Amino acid sequence: MTLRPAIATIGEMRRFDLVERSRVMGEYLGDKLTALRERHASIRDVRSLGLFWAVELVRNRTTKEQFNTSADKVNGRRLVVDGMAAHMIS
């Protein structure tokens, strides 16, 4: 087993300054998602770990009522998140 691939990966991360770039991009994305949250009542929360962001969607931000329940998933009903994902990739 060789460490050459790992060493090469670290070298490329340093060469392209990917850690700093991801920090800057994460801040930019966070600002945009936070602003989006303020404009849409269905976004309860946005949170992150680096560039990995989560957007929590609810029917009602105050009551925290969900769009779908686990029973909806079990019964095969189309989930809001599935519709959104389909829309984003089309």
PDB file of N, CA and C in Angstrom:
ATOM      1  N   MET A   1       0.851  -1.180   0.000  1.00  0.00           N
ATOM      2  CA  MET A   1       0.000   0.000   0.000  1.00  0.00           C
ATOM      3  C   MET A   1       0.896   1.243   0.000  1.00  0.00           C
ATOM      4  N   THR A   2       0.561   2.182  -0.844  1.00  0.00           N
ATOM      5  CA  THR A   2       1.371   3.386  -0.970  1.00  0.00           C
ATOM      6  C   THR A   2       0.561   4.621  -0.578  1.00  0.00           C
ATOM      7  N   LEU A   3       1.237   5.608  -0.104  1.00  0.00           N
ATOM      8  CA  LEU A   3       0.599   6.864   0.294  1.00  0.00           C
ATOM      9  C   LEU A   3       0.690   7.923  -0.800  1.00  0.00           C
ATOM     10  N   ARG A   4       1.204   7.558  -1.953  1.00  0.00           N
ATOM     11  CA  ARG A   4       1.386   8.545  -3.024  1.00  0.00           C
ATOM     12  C   ARG A   4       0.097   9.274  -3.395  1.00  0.00           C
ATOM     13  N   PRO A   5      -1.045   8.587  -3.541  1.00  0.00           N
ATOM     14  CA  PRO A   5      -2.276   9.316  -3.883  1.00  0.00           C
ATOM     15  C   PRO A   5      -2.662  10.345  -2.817  1.00  0.00           C
ATOM     16  N   ALA A   6      -2.517   9.986  -1.559  1.00  0.00           N
ATOM     17  CA  ALA A   6      -2.854  10.920  -0.486  1.00  0.00           C
ATOM     18  C   ALA A   6      -1.906  12.113  -0.487  1.00  0.00           C
ATOM     19  N   ILE A   7      -0.636  11.855  -0.667  1.00  0.00           N
ATOM     20  CA  ILE A   7       0.357  12.935  -0.698  1.00  0.00           C
ATOM     21  C   ILE A   7       0.094  13.855  -1.893  1.00  0.00           C
ATOM     22  N   ALA A   8      -0.237  13.277  -3.037  1.00  0.00           N
ATOM     23  CA  ALA A   8      -0.541  14.088  -4.219  1.00  0.00           C
ATOM     24  C   ALA A   8      -1.792  14.930  -3.993  1.00  0.00           C
ATOM     25  N   THR A   9      -2.787  14.355  -3.341  1.00  0.00           N
ATOM     26  CA  THR A   9      -4.021  15.096  -3.045  1.00  0.00           C
ATOM     27  C   THR A   9      -3.737  16.285  -2.143  1.00  0.00           C
ATOM     28  N   ILE A  10      -2.957  16.070  -1.107  1.00  0.00           N
ATOM     29  CA  ILE A  10      -2.602  17.165  -0.194  1.00  0.00           C
ATOM     30  C   ILE A  10      -1.835  18.245  -0.950  1.00  0.00           C
ATOM     31  N   GLY A  11      -0.953  17.834  -1.837  1.00  0.00           N
ATOM     32  CA  GLY A  11      -0.205  18.799  -2.638  1.00  0.00           C
ATOM     33  C   GLY A  11      -1.118  19.659  -3.505  1.00  0.00           C
ATOM     34  N   GLU A  12      -2.116  19.031  -4.125  1.00  0.00           N
ATOM     35  CA  GLU A  12      -3.054  19.786  -4.958  1.00  0.00           C
ATOM     36  C   GLU A  12      -3.934  20.703  -4.107  1.00  0.00           C
ATOM     37  N   MET A  13      -4.313  20.240  -2.941  1.00  0.00           N
ATOM     38  CA  MET A  13      -5.101  21.097  -2.040  1.00  0.00           C
ATOM     39  C   MET A  13      -4.306  22.339  -1.669  1.00  0.00           C
ATOM     40  N   ARG A  14      -3.044  22.166  -1.407  1.00  0.00           N
ATOM     41  CA  ARG A  14      -2.192  23.316  -1.077  1.00  0.00           C
ATOM     42  C   ARG A  14      -1.981  24.205  -2.297  1.00  0.00           C
ATOM     43  N   ARG A  15      -1.722  23.595  -3.444  1.00  0.00           N
ATOM     44  CA  ARG A  15      -1.437  24.356  -4.659  1.00  0.00           C
ATOM     45  C   ARG A  15      -2.603  25.252  -5.054  1.00  0.00           C
ATOM     46  N   PHE A  16      -3.805  24.748  -4.917  1.00  0.00           N
ATOM     47  CA  PHE A  16      -4.990  25.525  -5.280  1.00  0.00           C
ATOM     48  C   PHE A  16      -5.616  26.257  -4.097  1.00  0.00           C
ATOM     49  N   ASP A  17      -4.975  26.175  -2.923  1.00  0.00           N
ATOM     50  CA  ASP A  17      -5.449  26.844  -1.698  1.00  0.00           C
ATOM     51  C   ASP A  17      -6.924  26.510  -1.429  1.00  0.00           C
ATOM     52  N   LEU A  18      -7.247  25.230  -1.520  1.00  0.00           N
ATOM     53  CA  LEU A  18      -8.640  24.800  -1.440  1.00  0.00           C
ATOM     54  C   LEU A  18      -9.276  25.004  -0.069  1.00  0.00           C
ATOM     55  N   VAL A  19      -8.499  24.940   0.987  1.00  0.00           N
ATOM     56  CA  VAL A  19      -9.072  25.143   2.318  1.00  0.00           C
ATOM     57  C   VAL A  19      -9.560  26.584   2.469  1.00  0.00           C
ATOM     58  N   GLU A  20      -8.719  27.535   2.078  1.00  0.00           N
ATOM     59  CA  GLU A  20      -9.122  28.948   2.161  1.00  0.00           C
ATOM     60  C   GLU A  20     -10.269  29.239   1.192  1.00  0.00           C
ATOM     61  N   ARG A  21     -10.199  28.669   0.010  1.00  0.00           N
ATOM     62  CA  ARG A  21     -11.262  28.875  -0.985  1.00  0.00           C
ATOM     63  C   ARG A  21     -12.597  28.353  -0.454  1.00  0.00           C
ATOM     64  N   SER A  22     -12.588  27.198   0.181  1.00  0.00           N
ATOM     65  CA  SER A  22     -13.842  26.657   0.714  1.00  0.00           C
ATOM     66  C   SER A  22     -14.367  27.512   1.867  1.00  0.00           C
ATOM     67  N   ARG A  23     -13.462  28.102   2.649  1.00  0.00           N
ATOM     68  CA  ARG A  23     -13.904  28.989   3.726  1.00  0.00           C
ATOM     69  C   ARG A  23     -14.617  30.215   3.148  1.00  0.00           C
ATOM     70  N   VAL A  24     -14.005  30.820   2.145  1.00  0.00           N
ATOM     71  CA  VAL A  24     -14.590  32.009   1.513  1.00  0.00           C
ATOM     72  C   VAL A  24     -15.922  31.661   0.853  1.00  0.00           C
ATOM     73  N   MET A  25     -15.954  30.561   0.121  1.00  0.00           N
ATOM     74  CA  MET A  25     -17.192  30.155  -0.549  1.00  0.00           C
ATOM     75  C   MET A  25     -18.284  29.797   0.464  1.00  0.00           C
ATOM     76  N   GLY A  26     -17.885  29.195   1.581  1.00  0.00           N
ATOM     77  CA  GLY A  26     -18.846  28.861   2.629  1.00  0.00           C
ATOM     78  C   GLY A  26     -19.479  30.102   3.232  1.00  0.00           C
ATOM     79  N   GLU A  27     -18.682  31.144   3.445  1.00  0.00           N
ATOM     80  CA  GLU A  27     -19.217  32.401   3.962  1.00  0.00           C
ATOM     81  C   GLU A  27     -20.191  33.023   2.961  1.00  0.00           C
ATOM     82  N   TYR A  28     -19.821  33.010   1.683  1.00  0.00           N
ATOM     83  CA  TYR A  28     -20.673  33.571   0.638  1.00  0.00           C
ATOM     84  C   TYR A  28     -22.007  32.815   0.577  1.00  0.00           C
ATOM     85  N   LEU A  29     -21.925  31.488   0.543  1.00  0.00           N
ATOM     86  CA  LEU A  29     -23.140  30.679   0.489  1.00  0.00           C
ATOM     87  C   LEU A  29     -23.996  30.891   1.731  1.00  0.00           C
ATOM     88  N   GLY A  30     -23.358  30.996   2.882  1.00  0.00           N
ATOM     89  CA  GLY A  30     -24.092  31.240   4.128  1.00  0.00           C
ATOM     90  C   GLY A  30     -24.843  32.558   4.101  1.00  0.00           C
ATOM     91  N   ASP A  31     -24.199  33.586   3.596  1.00  0.00           N
ATOM     92  CA  ASP A  31     -24.871  34.889   3.485  1.00  0.00           C
ATOM     93  C   ASP A  31     -26.086  34.797   2.581  1.00  0.00           C
ATOM     94  N   LYS A  32     -25.948  34.106   1.452  1.00  0.00           N
ATOM     95  CA  LYS A  32     -27.059  33.979   0.498  1.00  0.00           C
ATOM     96  C   LYS A  32     -28.201  33.150   1.085  1.00  0.00           C
ATOM     97  N   LEU A  33     -27.877  32.053   1.755  1.00  0.00           N
ATOM     98  CA  LEU A  33     -28.925  31.206   2.339  1.00  0.00           C
ATOM     99  C   LEU A  33     -29.616  31.896   3.510  1.00  0.00           C
ATOM    100  N   THR A  34     -28.887  32.652   4.288  1.00  0.00           N
ATOM    101  CA  THR A  34     -29.490  33.397   5.399  1.00  0.00           C
ATOM    102  C   THR A  34     -30.438  34.461   4.862  1.00  0.00           C
ATOM    103  N   ALA A  35     -30.035  35.150   3.803  1.00  0.00           N
ATOM    104  CA  ALA A  35     -30.915  36.149   3.184  1.00  0.00           C
ATOM    105  C   ALA A  35     -32.156  35.478   2.609  1.00  0.00           C
ATOM    106  N   LEU A  36     -31.983  34.311   2.024  1.00  0.00           N
ATOM    107  CA  LEU A  36     -33.121  33.573   1.477  1.00  0.00           C
ATOM    108  C   LEU A  36     -34.087  33.174   2.588  1.00  0.00           C
ATOM    109  N   ARG A  37     -33.533  32.791   3.731  1.00  0.00           N
ATOM    110  CA  ARG A  37     -34.365  32.420   4.882  1.00  0.00           C
ATOM    111  C   ARG A  37     -35.253  33.588   5.314  1.00  0.00           C
ATOM    112  N   GLU A  38     -34.705  34.774   5.283  1.00  0.00           N
ATOM    113  CA  GLU A  38     -35.470  35.954   5.704  1.00  0.00           C
ATOM    114  C   GLU A  38     -36.635  36.240   4.759  1.00  0.00           C
ATOM    115  N   ARG A  39     -36.497  35.846   3.500  1.00  0.00           N
ATOM    116  CA  ARG A  39     -37.541  36.122   2.505  1.00  0.00           C
ATOM    117  C   ARG A  39     -38.588  35.015   2.391  1.00  0.00           C
ATOM    118  N   HIS A  40     -38.301  33.823   2.900  1.00  0.00           N
ATOM    119  CA  HIS A  40     -39.218  32.687   2.722  1.00  0.00           C
ATOM    120  C   HIS A  40     -39.617  32.094   4.063  1.00  0.00           C
ATOM    121  N   ALA A  41     -40.900  32.136   4.337  1.00  0.00           N
ATOM    122  CA  ALA A  41     -41.422  31.637   5.611  1.00  0.00           C
ATOM    123  C   ALA A  41     -41.272  30.129   5.754  1.00  0.00           C
ATOM    124  N   SER A  42     -41.044  29.433   4.669  1.00  0.00           N
ATOM    125  CA  SER A  42     -40.911  27.976   4.731  1.00  0.00           C
ATOM    126  C   SER A  42     -39.514  27.519   5.125  1.00  0.00           C
ATOM    127  N   ILE A  43     -38.559  28.439   5.193  1.00  0.00           N
ATOM    128  CA  ILE A  43     -37.205  28.070   5.615  1.00  0.00           C
ATOM    129  C   ILE A  43     -37.085  28.375   7.094  1.00  0.00           C
ATOM    130  N   ARG A  44     -37.030  27.316   7.886  1.00  0.00           N
ATOM    131  CA  ARG A  44     -36.946  27.490   9.339  1.00  0.00           C
ATOM    132  C   ARG A  44     -35.519  27.791   9.779  1.00  0.00           C
ATOM    133  N   ASP A  45     -34.550  27.083   9.176  1.00  0.00           N
ATOM    134  CA  ASP A  45     -33.174  27.248   9.632  1.00  0.00           C
ATOM    135  C   ASP A  45     -32.217  26.902   8.499  1.00  0.00           C
ATOM    136  N   VAL A  46     -31.048  27.508   8.542  1.00  0.00           N
ATOM    137  CA  VAL A  46     -29.924  27.123   7.690  1.00  0.00           C
ATOM    138  C   VAL A  46     -28.727  26.928   8.607  1.00  0.00           C
ATOM    139  N   ARG A  47     -27.961  25.891   8.348  1.00  0.00           N
ATOM    140  CA  ARG A  47     -26.788  25.625   9.187  1.00  0.00           C
ATOM    141  C   ARG A  47     -25.743  24.893   8.342  1.00  0.00           C
ATOM    142  N   SER A  48     -24.516  24.904   8.834  1.00  0.00           N
ATOM    143  CA  SER A  48     -23.462  24.324   8.007  1.00  0.00           C
ATOM    144  C   SER A  48     -22.332  23.727   8.815  1.00  0.00           C
ATOM    145  N   LEU A  49     -21.552  22.973   8.074  1.00  0.00           N
ATOM    146  CA  LEU A  49     -20.249  22.510   8.515  1.00  0.00           C
ATOM    147  C   LEU A  49     -19.365  22.685   7.280  1.00  0.00           C
ATOM    148  N   GLY A  50     -18.621  23.781   7.234  1.00  0.00           N
ATOM    149  CA  GLY A  50     -17.838  24.100   6.047  1.00  0.00           C
ATOM    150  C   GLY A  50     -18.742  24.438   4.880  1.00  0.00           C
ATOM    151  N   LEU A  51     -18.550  23.740   3.756  1.00  0.00           N
ATOM    152  CA  LEU A  51     -19.399  23.962   2.591  1.00  0.00           C
ATOM    153  C   LEU A  51     -20.584  23.011   2.552  1.00  0.00           C
ATOM    154  N   PHE A  52     -20.770  22.214   3.570  1.00  0.00           N
ATOM    155  CA  PHE A  52     -21.907  21.304   3.649  1.00  0.00           C
ATOM    156  C   PHE A  52     -23.030  22.028   4.385  1.00  0.00           C
ATOM    157  N   TRP A  53     -24.052  22.441   3.645  1.00  0.00           N
ATOM    158  CA  TRP A  53     -25.137  23.235   4.210  1.00  0.00           C
ATOM    159  C   TRP A  53     -26.427  22.437   4.282  1.00  0.00           C
ATOM    160  N   ALA A  54     -27.220  22.739   5.294  1.00  0.00           N
ATOM    161  CA  ALA A  54     -28.552  22.157   5.446  1.00  0.00           C
ATOM    162  C   ALA A  54     -29.567  23.291   5.478  1.00  0.00           C
ATOM    163  N   VAL A  55     -30.671  23.100   4.779  1.00  0.00           N
ATOM    164  CA  VAL A  55     -31.771  24.056   4.782  1.00  0.00           C
ATOM    165  C   VAL A  55     -32.985  23.306   5.305  1.00  0.00           C
ATOM    166  N   GLU A  56     -33.495  23.728   6.444  1.00  0.00           N
ATOM    167  CA  GLU A  56     -34.649  23.062   7.059  1.00  0.00           C
ATOM    168  C   GLU A  56     -35.930  23.731   6.572  1.00  0.00           C
ATOM    169  N   LEU A  57     -36.762  22.946   5.898  1.00  0.00           N
ATOM    170  CA  LEU A  57     -38.016  23.448   5.351  1.00  0.00           C
ATOM    171  C   LEU A  57     -39.189  22.997   6.210  1.00  0.00           C
ATOM    172  N   VAL A  58     -40.118  23.924   6.462  1.00  0.00           N
ATOM    173  CA  VAL A  58     -41.314  23.622   7.241  1.00  0.00           C
ATOM    174  C   VAL A  58     -42.516  24.295   6.593  1.00  0.00           C
ATOM    175  N   ARG A  59     -43.683  23.759   6.878  1.00  0.00           N
ATOM    176  CA  ARG A  59     -44.915  24.372   6.387  1.00  0.00           C
ATOM    177  C   ARG A  59     -45.154  25.694   7.111  1.00  0.00           C
ATOM    178  N   ASN A  60     -44.834  25.712   8.414  1.00  0.00           N
ATOM    179  CA  ASN A  60     -45.062  26.894   9.233  1.00  0.00           C
ATOM    180  C   ASN A  60     -43.861  27.074  10.158  1.00  0.00           C
ATOM    181  N   ARG A  61     -43.139  28.165  10.001  1.00  0.00           N
ATOM    182  CA  ARG A  61     -41.919  28.401  10.793  1.00  0.00           C
ATOM    183  C   ARG A  61     -42.217  28.537  12.279  1.00  0.00           C
ATOM    184  N   THR A  62     -43.345  29.165  12.609  1.00  0.00           N
ATOM    185  CA  THR A  62     -43.679  29.388  14.026  1.00  0.00           C
ATOM    186  C   THR A  62     -44.031  28.091  14.739  1.00  0.00           C
ATOM    187  N   THR A  63     -44.883  27.282  14.105  1.00  0.00           N
ATOM    188  CA  THR A  63     -45.312  26.035  14.750  1.00  0.00           C
ATOM    189  C   THR A  63     -44.377  24.878  14.450  1.00  0.00           C
ATOM    190  N   LYS A  64     -43.458  25.071  13.501  1.00  0.00           N
ATOM    191  CA  LYS A  64     -42.508  24.046  13.059  1.00  0.00           C
ATOM    192  C   LYS A  64     -43.204  22.864  12.383  1.00  0.00           C
ATOM    193  N   GLU A  65     -44.438  23.076  11.898  1.00  0.00           N
ATOM    194  CA  GLU A  65     -45.172  22.007  11.209  1.00  0.00           C
ATOM    195  C   GLU A  65     -44.421  21.608   9.945  1.00  0.00           C
ATOM    196  N   GLN A  66     -44.224  20.323   9.773  1.00  0.00           N
ATOM    197  CA  GLN A  66     -43.489  19.818   8.628  1.00  0.00           C
ATOM    198  C   GLN A  66     -44.378  19.734   7.395  1.00  0.00           C
ATOM    199  N   PHE A  67     -43.751  19.751   6.226  1.00  0.00           N
ATOM    200  CA  PHE A  67     -44.488  19.546   4.987  1.00  0.00           C
ATOM    201  C   PHE A  67     -44.975  18.102   4.906  1.00  0.00           C
ATOM    202  N   ASN A  68     -44.112  17.174   5.221  1.00  0.00           N
ATOM    203  CA  ASN A  68     -44.444  15.761   5.162  1.00  0.00           C
ATOM    204  C   ASN A  68     -44.109  15.103   6.489  1.00  0.00           C
ATOM    205  N   THR A  69     -44.753  13.985   6.739  1.00  0.00           N
ATOM    206  CA  THR A  69     -44.488  13.207   7.952  1.00  0.00           C
ATOM    207  C   THR A  69     -43.809  11.899   7.556  1.00  0.00           C
ATOM    208  N   SER A  70     -43.327  11.180   8.535  1.00  0.00           N
ATOM    209  CA  SER A  70     -42.724   9.881   8.233  1.00  0.00           C
ATOM    210  C   SER A  70     -43.781   8.929   7.678  1.00  0.00           C
ATOM    211  N   ALA A  71     -45.048   9.103   8.080  1.00  0.00           N
ATOM    212  CA  ALA A  71     -46.124   8.277   7.523  1.00  0.00           C
ATOM    213  C   ALA A  71     -46.282   8.528   6.028  1.00  0.00           C
ATOM    214  N   ASP A  72     -46.102   9.765   5.589  1.00  0.00           N
ATOM    215  CA  ASP A  72     -46.164  10.076   4.162  1.00  0.00           C
ATOM    216  C   ASP A  72     -45.108   9.268   3.403  1.00  0.00           C
ATOM    217  N   LYS A  73     -43.917   9.212   3.958  1.00  0.00           N
ATOM    218  CA  LYS A  73     -42.822   8.478   3.310  1.00  0.00           C
ATOM    219  C   LYS A  73     -43.138   6.987   3.262  1.00  0.00           C
ATOM    220  N   VAL A  74     -43.608   6.448   4.380  1.00  0.00           N
ATOM    221  CA  VAL A  74     -43.939   5.019   4.450  1.00  0.00           C
ATOM    222  C   VAL A  74     -45.045   4.670   3.452  1.00  0.00           C
ATOM    223  N   ASN A  75     -46.011   5.559   3.296  1.00  0.00           N
ATOM    224  CA  ASN A  75     -47.142   5.309   2.409  1.00  0.00           C
ATOM    225  C   ASN A  75     -46.858   5.662   0.952  1.00  0.00           C
ATOM    226  N   GLY A  76     -45.627   6.065   0.652  1.00  0.00           N
ATOM    227  CA  GLY A  76     -45.227   6.317  -0.726  1.00  0.00           C
ATOM    228  C   GLY A  76     -45.712   7.631  -1.305  1.00  0.00           C
ATOM    229  N   ARG A  77     -46.143   8.555  -0.464  1.00  0.00           N
ATOM    230  CA  ARG A  77     -46.564   9.858  -0.970  1.00  0.00           C
ATOM    231  C   ARG A  77     -45.343  10.654  -1.411  1.00  0.00           C
ATOM    232  N   ARG A  78     -45.512  11.457  -2.445  1.00  0.00           N
ATOM    233  CA  ARG A  78     -44.395  12.281  -2.922  1.00  0.00           C
ATOM    234  C   ARG A  78     -44.060  13.331  -1.865  1.00  0.00           C
ATOM    235  N   LEU A  79     -42.801  13.420  -1.532  1.00  0.00           N
ATOM    236  CA  LEU A  79     -42.347  14.364  -0.523  1.00  0.00           C
ATOM    237  C   LEU A  79     -41.965  15.681  -1.172  1.00  0.00           C
ATOM    238  N   VAL A  80     -42.139  16.767  -0.438  1.00  0.00           N
ATOM    239  CA  VAL A  80     -41.767  18.098  -0.934  1.00  0.00           C
ATOM    240  C   VAL A  80     -40.300  18.117  -1.353  1.00  0.00           C
ATOM    241  N   VAL A  81     -39.450  17.513  -0.563  1.00  0.00           N
ATOM    242  CA  VAL A  81     -38.023  17.514  -0.870  1.00  0.00           C
ATOM    243  C   VAL A  81     -37.744  16.783  -2.182  1.00  0.00           C
ATOM    244  N   ASP A  82     -38.510  15.756  -2.479  1.00  0.00           N
ATOM    245  CA  ASP A  82     -38.328  15.036  -3.756  1.00  0.00           C
ATOM    246  C   ASP A  82     -38.691  15.936  -4.927  1.00  0.00           C
ATOM    247  N   GLY A  83     -39.779  16.671  -4.792  1.00  0.00           N
ATOM    248  CA  GLY A  83     -40.188  17.610  -5.842  1.00  0.00           C
ATOM    249  C   GLY A  83     -39.159  18.692  -6.047  1.00  0.00           C
ATOM    250  N   MET A  84     -38.619  19.204  -4.960  1.00  0.00           N
ATOM    251  CA  MET A  84     -37.597  20.258  -5.061  1.00  0.00           C
ATOM    252  C   MET A  84     -36.338  19.726  -5.738  1.00  0.00           C
ATOM    253  N   ALA A  85     -35.904  18.541  -5.352  1.00  0.00           N
ATOM    254  CA  ALA A  85     -34.701  17.950  -5.948  1.00  0.00           C
ATOM    255  C   ALA A  85     -34.907  17.729  -7.442  1.00  0.00           C
ATOM    256  N   ALA A  86     -36.074  17.237  -7.830  1.00  0.00           N
ATOM    257  CA  ALA A  86     -36.365  17.014  -9.245  1.00  0.00           C
ATOM    258  C   ALA A  86     -36.332  18.333 -10.012  1.00  0.00           C
ATOM    259  N   HIS A  87     -36.866  19.369  -9.411  1.00  0.00           N
ATOM    260  CA  HIS A  87     -36.872  20.683 -10.059  1.00  0.00           C
ATOM    261  C   HIS A  87     -35.459  21.238 -10.223  1.00  0.00           C
ATOM    262  N   MET A  88     -34.623  21.034  -9.212  1.00  0.00           N
ATOM    263  CA  MET A  88     -33.260  21.577  -9.260  1.00  0.00           C
ATOM    264  C   MET A  88     -32.392  20.897 -10.297  1.00  0.00           C
ATOM    265  N   ILE A  89     -32.610  19.606 -10.544  1.00  0.00           N
ATOM    266  CA  ILE A  89     -31.732  18.911 -11.489  1.00  0.00           C
ATOM    267  C   ILE A  89     -32.270  18.923 -12.913  1.00  0.00           C
ATOM    268  N   SER A  90     -33.483  19.444 -13.089  1.00  0.00           N
ATOM    269  CA  SER A  90     -34.030  19.456 -14.460  1.00  0.00           C
ATOM    270  C   SER A  90     -33.635  20.710 -15.212  1.00  0.00           C
TER     271      SER A  90
END
